[in-house]
Amino acid sequence: MKKLLLALVVAAAVAVPAATAGGWATVGVSSLPPAGLDAGQAWPVDITVLQHGRTPLTGAEPAVSVRNTKTGEVGGTFKAAPTGMPGVYHAVVRFPAGGTWAYEVFDGFTQYGDAQTHTFKAVTIGAAGSGSSFPTVPVGGSLLLGLALVAAILVRRRLRPAAEPAIPAH
């Protein structure tokens, strides 16, 4: 009787962890939001979901959410679509305003009911339109070079001795 009771206790101890051990995944992102990203600009990102950290997971429905770290406001959730490569999904994320934003990826691994949200380091996003597409440095440099050339020409003309009048021959 003691052996049967011991066998039941051991079986129960092994069965509970085994029943709950199958539903976890890891998530990786193909890139971080780039430095200088402004509010409203697209951050295209691929998400890789691996069951048990090894096997590419198809059929998941991952999504990226962004949250303002100062206000706690959720700025949006961006669903990722399958790319055709097993376990890889693509999303286009847009931060709605400037500030410091945390982003997280819901792995979408709901097959065993243990889907998780994976958090990443917060990033600073510029205000909308704070980045400029105008090439300030090349244009400014060209203007300065042009002004220096004009100044050199004017200085040279001023320093050149005046031509002496021609003496008519008789």
Protein backbone atom coordinates (compact mmCIF):
# COMPACT_ATOMS: atom_id res chain seq x y z
CA MET A 1 0.00 0.00 0.00
CA LYS A 2 2.83 2.38 0.85
CA LYS A 3 4.45 1.65 -2.52
CA LEU A 4 1.21 2.44 -4.37
CA LEU A 5 0.78 5.71 -2.47
CA LEU A 6 4.41 6.67 -3.16
CA ALA A 7 3.96 5.87 -6.86
CA LEU A 8 0.83 8.08 -7.03
CA VAL A 9 2.63 11.00 -5.35
CA VAL A 10 5.59 10.71 -7.72
CA ALA A 11 3.27 10.44 -10.75
CA ALA A 12 1.33 13.55 -9.66
CA ALA A 13 4.53 15.49 -9.04
CA VAL A 14 5.77 14.69 -12.56
CA ALA A 15 2.41 15.16 -14.32
CA VAL A 16 1.71 18.73 -13.16
CA PRO A 17 4.94 20.32 -14.50
CA ALA A 18 4.75 18.25 -17.68
CA ALA A 19 1.23 19.47 -18.37
CA THR A 20 2.21 23.13 -18.00
CA ALA A 21 5.63 23.06 -19.69
CA GLY A 22 4.64 23.14 -23.37
CA GLY A 23 3.45 26.67 -24.07
CA TRP A 24 6.24 29.20 -24.06
CA ALA A 25 8.02 31.08 -26.79
CA THR A 26 10.79 33.60 -27.27
CA VAL A 27 10.53 36.70 -29.42
CA GLY A 28 13.21 38.57 -31.32
CA VAL A 29 12.98 41.74 -33.40
CA SER A 30 14.95 42.38 -36.59
CA SER A 31 15.83 45.95 -35.64
CA LEU A 32 15.40 48.56 -32.97
CA PRO A 33 13.57 51.80 -33.70
CA PRO A 34 16.25 53.86 -35.49
CA ALA A 35 17.86 56.87 -33.84
CA GLY A 36 16.25 60.05 -35.09
CA LEU A 37 12.86 58.41 -35.70
CA ASP A 38 10.12 61.02 -35.47
CA ALA A 39 6.50 60.62 -34.43
CA GLY A 40 4.40 59.23 -37.25
CA GLN A 41 7.36 57.80 -39.18
CA ALA A 42 7.27 54.11 -40.02
CA TRP A 43 9.43 51.59 -38.20
CA PRO A 44 9.18 48.37 -40.24
CA VAL A 45 10.17 45.40 -38.09
CA ASP A 46 10.24 41.63 -38.44
CA ILE A 47 9.34 39.58 -35.38
CA THR A 48 10.68 36.05 -34.96
CA VAL A 49 8.67 33.78 -32.66
CA LEU A 50 10.38 30.56 -31.56
CA GLN A 51 8.59 27.86 -29.57
CA HIS A 52 10.82 26.87 -26.64
CA GLY A 53 13.39 29.29 -28.05
CA ARG A 54 14.26 26.90 -30.89
CA THR A 55 11.46 25.99 -33.30
CA PRO A 56 10.00 28.66 -35.63
CA LEU A 57 6.36 29.02 -34.67
CA THR A 58 3.79 29.28 -37.44
CA GLY A 59 0.19 30.22 -36.79
CA ALA A 60 0.96 32.73 -34.05
CA GLU A 61 -0.59 36.19 -34.10
CA PRO A 62 2.06 38.54 -32.67
CA ALA A 63 1.55 42.27 -32.21
CA VAL A 64 3.70 45.24 -31.17
CA SER A 65 2.31 47.78 -28.69
CA VAL A 66 3.83 51.14 -27.79
CA ARG A 67 3.31 52.91 -24.45
CA ASN A 68 4.38 56.40 -23.37
CA THR A 69 6.58 55.94 -20.30
CA LYS A 70 5.65 59.33 -18.82
CA THR A 71 1.86 59.19 -19.19
CA GLY A 72 1.26 55.44 -19.46
CA GLU A 73 -0.81 56.09 -22.58
CA VAL A 74 -0.94 53.18 -25.03
CA GLY A 75 -0.11 54.74 -28.38
CA GLY A 76 -1.25 51.83 -30.51
CA THR A 77 -1.07 48.14 -31.17
CA PHE A 78 0.26 46.96 -34.53
CA LYS A 79 -0.57 43.44 -35.66
CA ALA A 80 2.15 41.50 -37.43
CA ALA A 81 1.45 39.42 -40.51
CA PRO A 82 3.24 36.23 -41.62
CA THR A 83 6.11 36.87 -44.04
CA GLY A 84 6.16 33.44 -45.67
CA MET A 85 9.21 32.40 -43.64
CA PRO A 86 8.30 30.05 -40.75
CA GLY A 87 8.13 31.91 -37.45
CA VAL A 88 8.76 35.36 -38.98
CA TYR A 89 6.08 38.06 -38.93
CA HIS A 90 6.17 41.66 -40.20
CA ALA A 91 4.69 44.79 -38.61
CA VAL A 92 4.91 48.49 -39.37
CA VAL A 93 4.95 50.49 -36.14
CA ARG A 94 4.34 54.23 -35.80
CA PHE A 95 4.85 56.11 -32.56
CA PRO A 96 2.05 58.70 -32.28
CA ALA A 97 3.99 61.52 -30.57
CA GLY A 98 7.43 62.55 -29.46
CA GLY A 99 8.72 61.41 -26.08
CA THR A 100 10.02 58.26 -24.42
CA TRP A 101 8.15 55.14 -25.48
CA ALA A 102 8.36 51.55 -24.30
CA TYR A 103 7.48 48.88 -26.79
CA GLU A 104 6.49 45.31 -26.25
CA VAL A 105 5.67 42.29 -28.37
CA PHE A 106 2.80 39.97 -27.60
CA ASP A 107 4.03 36.63 -28.97
CA GLY A 108 0.55 35.42 -29.97
CA PHE A 109 1.38 31.84 -28.96
CA THR A 110 -2.09 30.99 -27.66
CA GLN A 111 -2.08 27.29 -28.56
CA TYR A 112 -1.50 26.27 -24.91
CA GLY A 113 -2.95 29.39 -23.33
CA ASP A 114 0.40 30.77 -22.19
CA ALA A 115 0.96 33.66 -24.62
CA GLN A 116 3.28 36.27 -23.16
CA THR A 117 4.21 39.88 -23.67
CA HIS A 118 7.93 40.51 -24.14
CA THR A 119 9.18 43.98 -23.21
CA PHE A 120 12.08 45.89 -24.70
CA LYS A 121 14.11 48.94 -23.65
CA ALA A 122 12.34 52.29 -24.04
CA VAL A 123 13.34 54.59 -26.92
CA THR A 124 13.19 58.35 -27.49
CA ILE A 125 11.07 59.49 -30.40
CA GLY A 126 11.30 63.00 -31.86
CA ALA A 127 8.31 65.26 -32.31
CA ALA A 128 6.56 65.03 -35.66
CA GLY A 129 8.51 66.97 -38.27
CA SER A 130 11.49 67.58 -35.99
CA GLY A 131 13.76 65.77 -38.41
CA SER A 132 14.41 67.67 -41.59
CA SER A 133 14.76 66.22 -45.02
CA PHE A 134 16.40 69.47 -46.20
CA PRO A 135 20.15 68.86 -46.74
CA THR A 136 21.31 71.72 -44.51
CA VAL A 137 24.99 70.80 -44.31
CA PRO A 138 25.65 70.30 -48.06
CA VAL A 139 23.66 73.37 -49.09
CA GLY A 140 25.15 75.55 -46.34
CA GLY A 141 28.66 74.37 -47.20
CA SER A 142 28.13 75.15 -50.89
CA LEU A 143 26.90 78.65 -50.06
CA LEU A 144 29.92 79.33 -47.86
CA LEU A 145 32.29 78.06 -50.55
CA GLY A 146 30.59 80.31 -53.13
CA LEU A 147 30.87 83.35 -50.88
CA ALA A 148 34.57 82.63 -50.26
CA LEU A 149 35.17 82.38 -54.03
CA VAL A 150 33.41 85.72 -54.68
CA ALA A 151 35.42 87.36 -51.87
CA ALA A 152 38.69 86.01 -53.32
CA ILE A 153 37.85 87.37 -56.78
CA LEU A 154 37.00 90.81 -55.36
CA VAL A 155 40.20 90.95 -53.30
CA ARG A 156 42.30 89.96 -56.33
CA ARG A 157 40.74 92.66 -58.51
CA ARG A 158 41.34 95.25 -55.84
CA LEU A 159 45.00 94.29 -55.38
CA ARG A 160 45.81 94.14 -59.13
CA PRO A 161 47.61 97.29 -60.25
CA ALA A 162 45.65 99.44 -62.63
CA ALA A 163 46.78 99.13 -66.23
CA GLU A 164 48.87 102.08 -67.41
CA PRO A 165 47.39 104.08 -70.23
CA ALA A 166 48.83 103.30 -73.62
CA ILE A 167 51.04 106.04 -75.10
CA PRO A 168 50.16 106.79 -78.67
CA ALA A 169 53.00 106.38 -81.11
CA HIS A 170 53.80 109.35 -83.48
